[in-house]
PDB file of all heavy atoms in Angstrom:
ATOM      1  N   ASP A   1      22.791 -26.933   3.524  1.00  0.00           N
ATOM      2  CA  ASP A   1      22.866 -28.364   3.817  1.00  0.00           C
ATOM      3  C   ASP A   1      23.337 -29.144   2.597  1.00  0.00           C
ATOM      4  O   ASP A   1      24.019 -30.153   2.722  1.00  0.00           O
ATOM      5  CB  ASP A   1      21.495 -28.877   4.261  1.00  0.00           C
ATOM      6  CG  ASP A   1      21.124 -28.427   5.658  1.00  0.00           C
ATOM      7  OD1 ASP A   1      21.452 -29.147   6.610  1.00  0.00           O
ATOM      8  OD2 ASP A   1      20.537 -27.339   5.801  1.00  0.00           O
ATOM      9  N   LEU A   2      22.955 -28.664   1.424  1.00  0.00           N
ATOM     10  CA  LEU A   2      23.352 -29.334   0.188  1.00  0.00           C
ATOM     11  C   LEU A   2      24.851 -29.192  -0.048  1.00  0.00           C
ATOM     12  O   LEU A   2      25.523 -30.133  -0.483  1.00  0.00           O
ATOM     13  CB  LEU A   2      22.569 -28.744  -0.982  1.00  0.00           C
ATOM     14  CG  LEU A   2      22.285 -29.658  -2.174  1.00  0.00           C
ATOM     15  CD1 LEU A   2      21.508 -30.880  -1.724  1.00  0.00           C
ATOM     16  CD2 LEU A   2      21.531 -28.914  -3.247  1.00  0.00           C
ATOM     17  N   TYR A   3      25.397 -27.994   0.232  1.00  0.00           N
ATOM     18  CA  TYR A   3      26.842 -27.786   0.132  1.00  0.00           C
ATOM     19  C   TYR A   3      27.587 -28.746   1.065  1.00  0.00           C
ATOM     20  O   TYR A   3      28.572 -29.379   0.691  1.00  0.00           O
ATOM     21  CB  TYR A   3      27.205 -26.355   0.516  1.00  0.00           C
ATOM     22  CG  TYR A   3      27.019 -25.338  -0.579  1.00  0.00           C
ATOM     23  CD1 TYR A   3      25.896 -24.515  -0.609  1.00  0.00           C
ATOM     24  CD2 TYR A   3      27.968 -25.168  -1.585  1.00  0.00           C
ATOM     25  CE1 TYR A   3      25.711 -23.569  -1.605  1.00  0.00           C
ATOM     26  CE2 TYR A   3      27.803 -24.228  -2.587  1.00  0.00           C
ATOM     27  CZ  TYR A   3      26.669 -23.432  -2.591  1.00  0.00           C
ATOM     28  OH  TYR A   3      26.494 -22.499  -3.589  1.00  0.00           O
ATOM     29  N   VAL A   4      27.097 -28.823   2.304  1.00  0.00           N
ATOM     30  CA  VAL A   4      27.739 -29.680   3.293  1.00  0.00           C
ATOM     31  C   VAL A   4      27.638 -31.139   2.880  1.00  0.00           C
ATOM     32  O   VAL A   4      28.612 -31.899   2.993  1.00  0.00           O
ATOM     33  CB  VAL A   4      27.107 -29.458   4.686  1.00  0.00           C
ATOM     34  CG1 VAL A   4      27.648 -30.471   5.696  1.00  0.00           C
ATOM     35  CG2 VAL A   4      27.383 -28.042   5.177  1.00  0.00           C
ATOM     36  N   LEU A   5      26.483 -31.545   2.375  1.00  0.00           N
ATOM     37  CA  LEU A   5      26.293 -32.923   1.933  1.00  0.00           C
ATOM     38  C   LEU A   5      27.266 -33.270   0.806  1.00  0.00           C
ATOM     39  O   LEU A   5      27.917 -34.321   0.832  1.00  0.00           O
ATOM     40  CB  LEU A   5      24.853 -33.124   1.465  1.00  0.00           C
ATOM     41  CG  LEU A   5      24.494 -34.499   0.905  1.00  0.00           C
ATOM     42  CD1 LEU A   5      24.716 -35.585   1.949  1.00  0.00           C
ATOM     43  CD2 LEU A   5      23.056 -34.521   0.406  1.00  0.00           C
ATOM     44  N   SER A   6      27.384 -32.394  -0.185  1.00  0.00           N
ATOM     45  CA  SER A   6      28.295 -32.644  -1.308  1.00  0.00           C
ATOM     46  C   SER A   6      29.739 -32.744  -0.830  1.00  0.00           C
ATOM     47  O   SER A   6      30.499 -33.615  -1.281  1.00  0.00           O
ATOM     48  CB  SER A   6      28.157 -31.524  -2.344  1.00  0.00           C
ATOM     49  OG  SER A   6      26.856 -31.448  -2.850  1.00  0.00           O
ATOM     50  N   GLY A   7      30.117 -31.854   0.081  1.00  0.00           N
ATOM     51  CA  GLY A   7      31.474 -31.885   0.615  1.00  0.00           C
ATOM     52  C   GLY A   7      31.758 -33.148   1.400  1.00  0.00           C
ATOM     53  O   GLY A   7      32.860 -33.716   1.330  1.00  0.00           O
ATOM     54  N   ASN A   8      30.771 -33.639   2.141  1.00  0.00           N
ATOM     55  CA  ASN A   8      30.939 -34.878   2.897  1.00  0.00           C
ATOM     56  C   ASN A   8      31.014 -36.096   1.990  1.00  0.00           C
ATOM     57  O   ASN A   8      31.759 -37.036   2.260  1.00  0.00           O
ATOM     58  CB  ASN A   8      29.798 -35.039   3.907  1.00  0.00           C
ATOM     59  CG  ASN A   8      30.047 -34.298   5.205  1.00  0.00           C
ATOM     60  OD1 ASN A   8      30.248 -34.899   6.261  1.00  0.00           O
ATOM     61  ND2 ASN A   8      30.038 -32.975   5.153  1.00  0.00           N
ATOM     62  N   PHE A   9      30.239 -36.080   0.896  1.00  0.00           N
ATOM     63  CA  PHE A   9      30.335 -37.176  -0.061  1.00  0.00           C
ATOM     64  C   PHE A   9      31.717 -37.201  -0.712  1.00  0.00           C
ATOM     65  O   PHE A   9      32.291 -38.267  -0.945  1.00  0.00           O
ATOM     66  CB  PHE A   9      29.237 -37.036  -1.132  1.00  0.00           C
ATOM     67  CG  PHE A   9      28.034 -37.892  -0.860  1.00  0.00           C
ATOM     68  CD1 PHE A   9      27.318 -37.749   0.325  1.00  0.00           C
ATOM     69  CD2 PHE A   9      27.611 -38.844  -1.770  1.00  0.00           C
ATOM     70  CE1 PHE A   9      26.211 -38.543   0.592  1.00  0.00           C
ATOM     71  CE2 PHE A   9      26.510 -39.647  -1.517  1.00  0.00           C
ATOM     72  CZ  PHE A   9      25.808 -39.495  -0.331  1.00  0.00           C
ATOM     73  N   LEU A  10      32.249 -36.025  -1.008  1.00  0.00           N
ATOM     74  CA  LEU A  10      33.592 -35.945  -1.581  1.00  0.00           C
ATOM     75  C   LEU A  10      34.611 -36.513  -0.596  1.00  0.00           C
ATOM     76  O   LEU A  10      35.551 -37.215  -0.989  1.00  0.00           O
ATOM     77  CB  LEU A  10      33.923 -34.484  -1.908  1.00  0.00           C
ATOM     78  CG  LEU A  10      35.233 -34.216  -2.648  1.00  0.00           C
ATOM     79  CD1 LEU A  10      35.231 -34.875  -4.020  1.00  0.00           C
ATOM     80  CD2 LEU A  10      35.457 -32.711  -2.796  1.00  0.00           C
ATOM     81  N   GLN A  11      34.432 -36.225   0.672  1.00  0.00           N
ATOM     82  CA  GLN A  11      35.327 -36.703   1.719  1.00  0.00           C
ATOM     83  C   GLN A  11      35.262 -38.233   1.857  1.00  0.00           C
ATOM     84  O   GLN A  11      36.283 -38.909   1.945  1.00  0.00           O
ATOM     85  CB  GLN A  11      34.964 -36.052   3.055  1.00  0.00           C
ATOM     86  CG  GLN A  11      35.625 -36.643   4.290  1.00  0.00           C
ATOM     87  CD  GLN A  11      37.076 -36.248   4.449  1.00  0.00           C
ATOM     88  OE1 GLN A  11      37.504 -35.229   3.932  1.00  0.00           O
ATOM     89  NE2 GLN A  11      37.839 -37.061   5.168  1.00  0.00           N
ATOM     90  N   HIS A  12      34.058 -38.786   1.858  1.00  0.00           N
ATOM     91  CA  HIS A  12      33.884 -40.206   2.163  1.00  0.00           C
ATOM     92  C   HIS A  12      33.856 -41.121   0.944  1.00  0.00           C
ATOM     93  O   HIS A  12      34.228 -42.292   1.039  1.00  0.00           O
ATOM     94  CB  HIS A  12      32.594 -40.401   2.965  1.00  0.00           C
ATOM     95  CG  HIS A  12      32.656 -39.854   4.359  1.00  0.00           C
ATOM     96  ND1 HIS A  12      33.231 -40.541   5.403  1.00  0.00           N
ATOM     97  CD2 HIS A  12      32.225 -38.673   4.874  1.00  0.00           C
ATOM     98  CE1 HIS A  12      33.141 -39.817   6.515  1.00  0.00           C
ATOM     99  NE2 HIS A  12      32.539 -38.682   6.209  1.00  0.00           N
ATOM    100  N   PHE A  13      33.390 -40.603  -0.210  1.00  0.00           N
ATOM    101  CA  PHE A  13      33.244 -41.447  -1.385  1.00  0.00           C
ATOM    102  C   PHE A  13      34.171 -41.057  -2.535  1.00  0.00           C
ATOM    103  O   PHE A  13      34.227 -41.754  -3.544  1.00  0.00           O
ATOM    104  CB  PHE A  13      31.793 -41.407  -1.887  1.00  0.00           C
ATOM    105  CG  PHE A  13      30.795 -41.973  -0.913  1.00  0.00           C
ATOM    106  CD1 PHE A  13      29.895 -41.146  -0.261  1.00  0.00           C
ATOM    107  CD2 PHE A  13      30.770 -43.325  -0.638  1.00  0.00           C
ATOM    108  CE1 PHE A  13      28.973 -41.655   0.634  1.00  0.00           C
ATOM    109  CE2 PHE A  13      29.851 -43.849   0.258  1.00  0.00           C
ATOM    110  CZ  PHE A  13      28.948 -43.016   0.900  1.00  0.00           C
ATOM    111  N   GLY A  14      34.850 -39.920  -2.412  1.00  0.00           N
ATOM    112  CA  GLY A  14      35.783 -39.501  -3.457  1.00  0.00           C
ATOM    113  C   GLY A  14      35.134 -38.740  -4.593  1.00  0.00           C
ATOM    114  O   GLY A  14      35.798 -38.339  -5.534  1.00  0.00           O
ATOM    115  N   ASN A  15      33.808 -38.543  -4.543  1.00  0.00           N
ATOM    116  CA  ASN A  15      33.115 -37.712  -5.534  1.00  0.00           C
ATOM    117  C   ASN A  15      31.930 -37.052  -4.843  1.00  0.00           C
ATOM    118  O   ASN A  15      31.476 -37.502  -3.795  1.00  0.00           O
ATOM    119  CB  ASN A  15      32.659 -38.529  -6.745  1.00  0.00           C
ATOM    120  CG  ASN A  15      31.558 -39.511  -6.406  1.00  0.00           C
ATOM    121  OD1 ASN A  15      30.400 -39.137  -6.305  1.00  0.00           O
ATOM    122  ND2 ASN A  15      31.923 -40.778  -6.223  1.00  0.00           N
ATOM    123  N   CYS A  16      31.443 -35.969  -5.439  1.00  0.00           N
ATOM    124  CA  CYS A  16      30.427 -35.161  -4.766  1.00  0.00           C
ATOM    125  C   CYS A  16      29.010 -35.447  -5.251  1.00  0.00           C
ATOM    126  O   CYS A  16      28.067 -34.783  -4.836  1.00  0.00           O
ATOM    127  CB  CYS A  16      30.740 -33.671  -4.936  1.00  0.00           C
ATOM    128  SG  CYS A  16      30.747 -33.101  -6.648  1.00  0.00           S
ATOM    129  N   LYS A  17      28.833 -36.429  -6.120  1.00  0.00           N
ATOM    130  CA  LYS A  17      27.506 -36.707  -6.662  1.00  0.00           C
ATOM    131  C   LYS A  17      26.689 -37.524  -5.670  1.00  0.00           C
ATOM    132  O   LYS A  17      27.096 -38.606  -5.254  1.00  0.00           O
ATOM    133  CB  LYS A  17      27.594 -37.437  -8.002  1.00  0.00           C
ATOM    134  CG  LYS A  17      26.220 -37.717  -8.612  1.00  0.00           C
ATOM    135  CD  LYS A  17      26.340 -38.216 -10.025  1.00  0.00           C
ATOM    136  CE  LYS A  17      24.998 -38.680 -10.581  1.00  0.00           C
ATOM    137  NZ  LYS A  17      23.963 -37.649 -10.500  1.00  0.00           N
ATOM    138  N   VAL A  18      25.513 -36.995  -5.318  1.00  0.00           N
ATOM    139  CA  VAL A  18      24.596 -37.685  -4.413  1.00  0.00           C
ATOM    140  C   VAL A  18      23.576 -38.428  -5.285  1.00  0.00           C
ATOM    141  O   VAL A  18      22.565 -37.863  -5.710  1.00  0.00           O
ATOM    142  CB  VAL A  18      23.894 -36.680  -3.469  1.00  0.00           C
ATOM    143  CG1 VAL A  18      23.008 -37.415  -2.477  1.00  0.00           C
ATOM    144  CG2 VAL A  18      24.930 -35.815  -2.736  1.00  0.00           C
ATOM    145  N   ASP A  19      23.840 -39.691  -5.555  1.00  0.00           N
ATOM    146  CA  ASP A  19      23.092 -40.438  -6.565  1.00  0.00           C
ATOM    147  C   ASP A  19      21.604 -40.577  -6.265  1.00  0.00           C
ATOM    148  O   ASP A  19      20.787 -40.623  -7.193  1.00  0.00           O
ATOM    149  CB  ASP A  19      23.695 -41.841  -6.737  1.00  0.00           C
ATOM    150  CG  ASP A  19      25.062 -41.803  -7.393  1.00  0.00           C
ATOM    151  OD1 ASP A  19      25.295 -40.888  -8.198  1.00  0.00           O
ATOM    152  OD2 ASP A  19      25.892 -42.678  -7.107  1.00  0.00           O
ATOM    153  N   PHE A  20      21.251 -40.672  -4.993  1.00  0.00           N
ATOM    154  CA  PHE A  20      19.849 -40.943  -4.671  1.00  0.00           C
ATOM    155  C   PHE A  20      18.970 -39.691  -4.772  1.00  0.00           C
ATOM    156  O   PHE A  20      17.748 -39.781  -4.732  1.00  0.00           O
ATOM    157  CB  PHE A  20      19.719 -41.549  -3.264  1.00  0.00           C
ATOM    158  CG  PHE A  20      20.161 -40.648  -2.142  1.00  0.00           C
ATOM    159  CD1 PHE A  20      19.298 -39.704  -1.603  1.00  0.00           C
ATOM    160  CD2 PHE A  20      21.443 -40.751  -1.618  1.00  0.00           C
ATOM    161  CE1 PHE A  20      19.699 -38.878  -0.564  1.00  0.00           C
ATOM    162  CE2 PHE A  20      21.857 -39.929  -0.576  1.00  0.00           C
ATOM    163  CZ  PHE A  20      20.985 -38.996  -0.047  1.00  0.00           C
ATOM    164  N   MET A  21      19.561 -38.532  -4.915  1.00  0.00           N
ATOM    165  CA  MET A  21      18.798 -37.286  -4.981  1.00  0.00           C
ATOM    166  C   MET A  21      18.638 -36.869  -6.445  1.00  0.00           C
ATOM    167  O   MET A  21      19.588 -36.489  -7.100  1.00  0.00           O
ATOM    168  CB  MET A  21      19.513 -36.188  -4.177  1.00  0.00           C
ATOM    169  CG  MET A  21      18.679 -34.942  -3.937  1.00  0.00           C
ATOM    170  SD  MET A  21      19.547 -33.714  -2.892  1.00  0.00           S
ATOM    171  CE  MET A  21      19.683 -34.613  -1.342  1.00  0.00           C
ATOM    172  N   ARG A  22      17.417 -36.944  -6.947  1.00  0.00           N
ATOM    173  CA  ARG A  22      17.160 -36.629  -8.348  1.00  0.00           C
ATOM    174  C   ARG A  22      16.551 -35.232  -8.529  1.00  0.00           C
ATOM    175  O   ARG A  22      16.720 -34.625  -9.584  1.00  0.00           O
ATOM    176  CB  ARG A  22      16.217 -37.672  -8.952  1.00  0.00           C
ATOM    177  CG  ARG A  22      16.706 -39.108  -8.774  1.00  0.00           C
ATOM    178  CD  ARG A  22      17.995 -39.375  -9.523  1.00  0.00           C
ATOM    179  NE  ARG A  22      18.537 -40.689  -9.253  1.00  0.00           N
ATOM    180  CZ  ARG A  22      18.158 -41.805  -9.858  1.00  0.00           C
ATOM    181  NH1 ARG A  22      17.204 -41.744 -10.773  1.00  0.00           N
ATOM    182  NH2 ARG A  22      18.706 -42.952  -9.558  1.00  0.00           N
ATOM    183  N   ASN A  23      15.832 -34.766  -7.519  1.00  0.00           N
ATOM    184  CA  ASN A  23      15.183 -33.451  -7.589  1.00  0.00           C
ATOM    185  C   ASN A  23      15.389 -32.730  -6.265  1.00  0.00           C
ATOM    186  O   ASN A  23      15.314 -33.346  -5.198  1.00  0.00           O
ATOM    187  CB  ASN A  23      13.679 -33.598  -7.852  1.00  0.00           C
ATOM    188  CG  ASN A  23      13.372 -34.437  -9.069  1.00  0.00           C
ATOM    189  OD1 ASN A  23      13.552 -33.992 -10.194  1.00  0.00           O
ATOM    190  ND2 ASN A  23      12.926 -35.673  -8.846  1.00  0.00           N
ATOM    191  N   TYR A  24      15.649 -31.428  -6.359  1.00  0.00           N
ATOM    192  CA  TYR A  24      15.928 -30.661  -5.136  1.00  0.00           C
ATOM    193  C   TYR A  24      15.233 -29.311  -5.178  1.00  0.00           C
ATOM    194  O   TYR A  24      15.129 -28.671  -6.237  1.00  0.00           O
ATOM    195  CB  TYR A  24      17.431 -30.446  -4.956  1.00  0.00           C
ATOM    196  CG  TYR A  24      17.730 -29.511  -3.795  1.00  0.00           C
ATOM    197  CD1 TYR A  24      17.640 -29.959  -2.490  1.00  0.00           C
ATOM    198  CD2 TYR A  24      18.051 -28.170  -4.025  1.00  0.00           C
ATOM    199  CE1 TYR A  24      17.869 -29.089  -1.423  1.00  0.00           C
ATOM    200  CE2 TYR A  24      18.276 -27.304  -2.968  1.00  0.00           C
ATOM    201  CZ  TYR A  24      18.184 -27.770  -1.675  1.00  0.00           C
ATOM    202  OH  TYR A  24      18.397 -26.915  -0.627  1.00  0.00           O
ATOM    203  N   CYS A  25      14.782 -28.855  -4.006  1.00  0.00           N
ATOM    204  CA  CYS A  25      14.167 -27.533  -3.876  1.00  0.00           C
ATOM    205  C   CYS A  25      14.671 -26.860  -2.615  1.00  0.00           C
ATOM    206  O   CYS A  25      14.682 -27.469  -1.532  1.00  0.00           O
ATOM    207  CB  CYS A  25      12.635 -27.663  -3.817  1.00  0.00           C
ATOM    208  SG  CYS A  25      11.788 -26.112  -3.430  1.00  0.00           S
ATOM    209  N   ASP A  26      15.107 -25.622  -2.757  1.00  0.00           N
ATOM    210  CA  ASP A  26      15.484 -24.795  -1.607  1.00  0.00           C
ATOM    211  C   ASP A  26      14.190 -24.217  -1.042  1.00  0.00           C
ATOM    212  O   ASP A  26      13.649 -23.251  -1.564  1.00  0.00           O
ATOM    213  CB  ASP A  26      16.436 -23.679  -2.060  1.00  0.00           C
ATOM    214  CG  ASP A  26      16.890 -22.783  -0.915  1.00  0.00           C
ATOM    215  OD1 ASP A  26      16.276 -22.824   0.170  1.00  0.00           O
ATOM    216  OD2 ASP A  26      17.852 -22.013  -1.122  1.00  0.00           O
ATOM    217  N   VAL A  27      13.679 -24.826   0.041  1.00  0.00           N
ATOM    218  CA  VAL A  27      12.374 -24.432   0.563  1.00  0.00           C
ATOM    219  C   VAL A  27      12.436 -23.053   1.229  1.00  0.00           C
ATOM    220  O   VAL A  27      11.420 -22.344   1.309  1.00  0.00           O
ATOM    221  CB  VAL A  27      11.825 -25.506   1.534  1.00  0.00           C
ATOM    222  CG1 VAL A  27      12.595 -25.525   2.840  1.00  0.00           C
ATOM    223  CG2 VAL A  27      10.338 -25.307   1.780  1.00  0.00           C
ATOM    224  N   GLN A  28      13.610 -22.633   1.667  1.00  0.00           N
ATOM    225  CA  GLN A  28      13.755 -21.278   2.204  1.00  0.00           C
ATOM    226  C   GLN A  28      13.483 -20.255   1.111  1.00  0.00           C
ATOM    227  O   GLN A  28      12.727 -19.297   1.299  1.00  0.00           O
ATOM    228  CB  GLN A  28      15.163 -21.069   2.769  1.00  0.00           C
ATOM    229  CG  GLN A  28      15.382 -19.674   3.338  1.00  0.00           C
ATOM    230  CD  GLN A  28      16.857 -19.356   3.543  1.00  0.00           C
ATOM    231  OE1 GLN A  28      17.668 -19.481   2.639  1.00  0.00           O
ATOM    232  NE2 GLN A  28      17.206 -18.958   4.759  1.00  0.00           N
ATOM    233  N   LYS A  29      14.102 -20.466  -0.049  1.00  0.00           N
ATOM    234  CA  LYS A  29      13.920 -19.555  -1.177  1.00  0.00           C
ATOM    235  C   LYS A  29      12.463 -19.524  -1.609  1.00  0.00           C
ATOM    236  O   LYS A  29      11.914 -18.459  -1.945  1.00  0.00           O
ATOM    237  CB  LYS A  29      14.819 -19.993  -2.334  1.00  0.00           C
ATOM    238  CG  LYS A  29      14.914 -19.002  -3.478  1.00  0.00           C
ATOM    239  CD  LYS A  29      15.947 -19.464  -4.491  1.00  0.00           C
ATOM    240  CE  LYS A  29      16.092 -18.448  -5.619  1.00  0.00           C
ATOM    241  NZ  LYS A  29      17.122 -18.894  -6.607  1.00  0.00           N
ATOM    242  N   TYR A  30      11.816 -20.691  -1.607  1.00  0.00           N
ATOM    243  CA  TYR A  30      10.403 -20.767  -1.983  1.00  0.00           C
ATOM    244  C   TYR A  30       9.540 -19.987  -0.984  1.00  0.00           C
ATOM    245  O   TYR A  30       8.688 -19.182  -1.385  1.00  0.00           O
ATOM    246  CB  TYR A  30       9.965 -22.224  -2.043  1.00  0.00           C
ATOM    247  CG  TYR A  30       8.479 -22.403  -2.250  1.00  0.00           C
ATOM    248  CD1 TYR A  30       7.890 -22.136  -3.482  1.00  0.00           C
ATOM    249  CD2 TYR A  30       7.661 -22.829  -1.204  1.00  0.00           C
ATOM    250  CE1 TYR A  30       6.515 -22.284  -3.668  1.00  0.00           C
ATOM    251  CE2 TYR A  30       6.293 -22.981  -1.375  1.00  0.00           C
ATOM    252  CZ  TYR A  30       5.730 -22.707  -2.609  1.00  0.00           C
ATOM    253  OH  TYR A  30       4.371 -22.842  -2.784  1.00  0.00           O
ATOM    254  N   CYS A  31       9.747 -20.204   0.293  1.00  0.00           N
ATOM    255  CA  CYS A  31       8.939 -19.535   1.314  1.00  0.00           C
ATOM    256  C   CYS A  31       9.153 -18.023   1.314  1.00  0.00           C
ATOM    257  O   CYS A  31       8.218 -17.252   1.597  1.00  0.00           O
ATOM    258  CB  CYS A  31       9.261 -20.097   2.700  1.00  0.00           C
ATOM    259  SG  CYS A  31       8.599 -21.760   2.987  1.00  0.00           S
ATOM    260  N   MET A  32      10.379 -17.589   0.992  1.00  0.00           N
ATOM    261  CA  MET A  32      10.670 -16.151   0.971  1.00  0.00           C
ATOM    262  C   MET A  32       9.809 -15.409  -0.038  1.00  0.00           C
ATOM    263  O   MET A  32       9.539 -14.222   0.118  1.00  0.00           O
ATOM    264  CB  MET A  32      12.155 -15.929   0.664  1.00  0.00           C
ATOM    265  CG  MET A  32      13.077 -16.167   1.851  1.00  0.00           C
ATOM    266  SD  MET A  32      14.842 -16.131   1.385  1.00  0.00           S
ATOM    267  CE  MET A  32      14.984 -14.504   0.653  1.00  0.00           C
ATOM    268  N   ALA A  33       9.349 -16.117  -1.067  1.00  0.00           N
ATOM    269  CA  ALA A  33       8.515 -15.487  -2.087  1.00  0.00           C
ATOM    270  C   ALA A  33       7.150 -15.075  -1.533  1.00  0.00           C
ATOM    271  O   ALA A  33       6.445 -14.274  -2.142  1.00  0.00           O
ATOM    272  CB  ALA A  33       8.337 -16.439  -3.263  1.00  0.00           C
ATOM    273  N   PHE A  34       6.814 -15.602  -0.352  1.00  0.00           N
ATOM    274  CA  PHE A  34       5.514 -15.305   0.250  1.00  0.00           C
ATOM    275  C   PHE A  34       5.624 -14.365   1.455  1.00  0.00           C
ATOM    276  O   PHE A  34       4.634 -14.104   2.127  1.00  0.00           O
ATOM    277  CB  PHE A  34       4.838 -16.606   0.686  1.00  0.00           C
ATOM    278  CG  PHE A  34       4.532 -17.531  -0.452  1.00  0.00           C
ATOM    279  CD1 PHE A  34       5.472 -18.457  -0.883  1.00  0.00           C
ATOM    280  CD2 PHE A  34       3.310 -17.474  -1.105  1.00  0.00           C
ATOM    281  CE1 PHE A  34       5.200 -19.317  -1.941  1.00  0.00           C
ATOM    282  CE2 PHE A  34       3.025 -18.327  -2.166  1.00  0.00           C
ATOM    283  CZ  PHE A  34       3.979 -19.248  -2.585  1.00  0.00           C
ATOM    284  N   VAL A  35       6.836 -13.879   1.718  1.00  0.00           N
ATOM    285  CA  VAL A  35       7.052 -12.964   2.843  1.00  0.00           C
ATOM    286  C   VAL A  35       7.204 -11.551   2.310  1.00  0.00           C
ATOM    287  O   VAL A  35       8.078 -11.284   1.477  1.00  0.00           O
ATOM    288  CB  VAL A  35       8.314 -13.362   3.650  1.00  0.00           C
ATOM    289  CG1 VAL A  35       8.546 -12.371   4.791  1.00  0.00           C
ATOM    290  CG2 VAL A  35       8.174 -14.779   4.199  1.00  0.00           C
ATOM    291  N   GLU A  36       6.367 -10.650   2.773  1.00  0.00           N
ATOM    292  CA  GLU A  36       6.424  -9.262   2.315  1.00  0.00           C
ATOM    293  C   GLU A  36       7.559  -8.526   3.010  1.00  0.00           C
ATOM    294  O   GLU A  36       7.628  -8.483   4.233  1.00  0.00           O
ATOM    295  CB  GLU A  36       5.094  -8.547   2.600  1.00  0.00           C
ATOM    296  CG  GLU A  36       3.925  -9.072   1.789  1.00  0.00           C
ATOM    297  CD  GLU A  36       2.668  -8.253   2.001  1.00  0.00           C
ATOM    298  OE1 GLU A  36       2.766  -7.198   2.665  1.00  0.00           O
ATOM    299  OE2 GLU A  36       1.601  -8.665   1.526  1.00  0.00           O
ATOM    300  N   ARG A  37       8.447  -7.953   2.177  1.00  0.00           N
ATOM    301  CA  ARG A  37       9.573  -7.174   2.712  1.00  0.00           C
ATOM    302  C   ARG A  37       9.845  -6.002   1.795  1.00  0.00           C
ATOM    303  O   ARG A  37       9.457  -6.015   0.619  1.00  0.00           O
ATOM    304  CB  ARG A  37      10.824  -8.059   2.847  1.00  0.00           C
ATOM    305  CG  ARG A  37      10.706  -9.076   3.963  1.00  0.00           C
ATOM    306  CD  ARG A  37      11.939  -9.922   4.068  1.00  0.00           C
ATOM    307  NE  ARG A  37      12.132 -10.744   2.882  1.00  0.00           N
ATOM    308  CZ  ARG A  37      13.248 -11.425   2.649  1.00  0.00           C
ATOM    309  NH1 ARG A  37      14.277 -11.338   3.476  1.00  0.00           N
ATOM    310  NH2 ARG A  37      13.361 -12.174   1.572  1.00  0.00           N
ATOM    311  N   ASP A  38      10.521  -4.989   2.344  1.00  0.00           N
ATOM    312  CA  ASP A  38      10.793  -3.807   1.536  1.00  0.00           C
ATOM    313  C   ASP A  38      11.876  -4.123   0.504  1.00  0.00           C
ATOM    314  O   ASP A  38      12.546  -5.157   0.556  1.00  0.00           O
ATOM    315  CB  ASP A  38      11.207  -2.612   2.410  1.00  0.00           C
ATOM    316  CG  ASP A  38      12.422  -2.894   3.285  1.00  0.00           C
ATOM    317  OD1 ASP A  38      13.367  -3.560   2.814  1.00  0.00           O
ATOM    318  OD2 ASP A  38      12.424  -2.461   4.450  1.00  0.00           O
ATOM    319  N   GLU A  39      12.040  -3.228  -0.455  1.00  0.00           N
ATOM    320  CA  GLU A  39      12.957  -3.431  -1.579  1.00  0.00           C
ATOM    321  C   GLU A  39      14.387  -3.666  -1.114  1.00  0.00           C
ATOM    322  O   GLU A  39      15.116  -4.473  -1.684  1.00  0.00           O
ATOM    323  CB  GLU A  39      12.903  -2.213  -2.503  1.00  0.00           C
ATOM    324  CG  GLU A  39      13.647  -2.377  -3.817  1.00  0.00           C
ATOM    325  CD  GLU A  39      12.995  -3.383  -4.744  1.00  0.00           C
ATOM    326  OE1 GLU A  39      11.775  -3.626  -4.588  1.00  0.00           O
ATOM    327  OE2 GLU A  39      13.710  -3.933  -5.614  1.00  0.00           O
ATOM    328  N   GLU A  40      14.794  -2.966  -0.049  1.00  0.00           N
ATOM    329  CA  GLU A  40      16.177  -3.052   0.434  1.00  0.00           C
ATOM    330  C   GLU A  40      16.504  -4.433   0.980  1.00  0.00           C
ATOM    331  O   GLU A  40      17.635  -4.911   0.871  1.00  0.00           O
ATOM    332  CB  GLU A  40      16.414  -1.998   1.520  1.00  0.00           C
ATOM    333  CG  GLU A  40      17.833  -1.980   2.059  1.00  0.00           C
ATOM    334  CD  GLU A  40      18.034  -0.938   3.152  1.00  0.00           C
ATOM    335  OE1 GLU A  40      17.081  -0.145   3.412  1.00  0.00           O
ATOM    336  OE2 GLU A  40      19.118  -0.901   3.741  1.00  0.00           O
TER     337      GLU A  40
END
């Protein structure tokens, strides 16, 4: 979603900086740390 947001800002505003977003977390990556899975 962040990739898409940056690309849309580039399309509409001419730059990819999302000024109102100061801190970001990929909650999928965070949650994956709590899911038990094999090494593969």
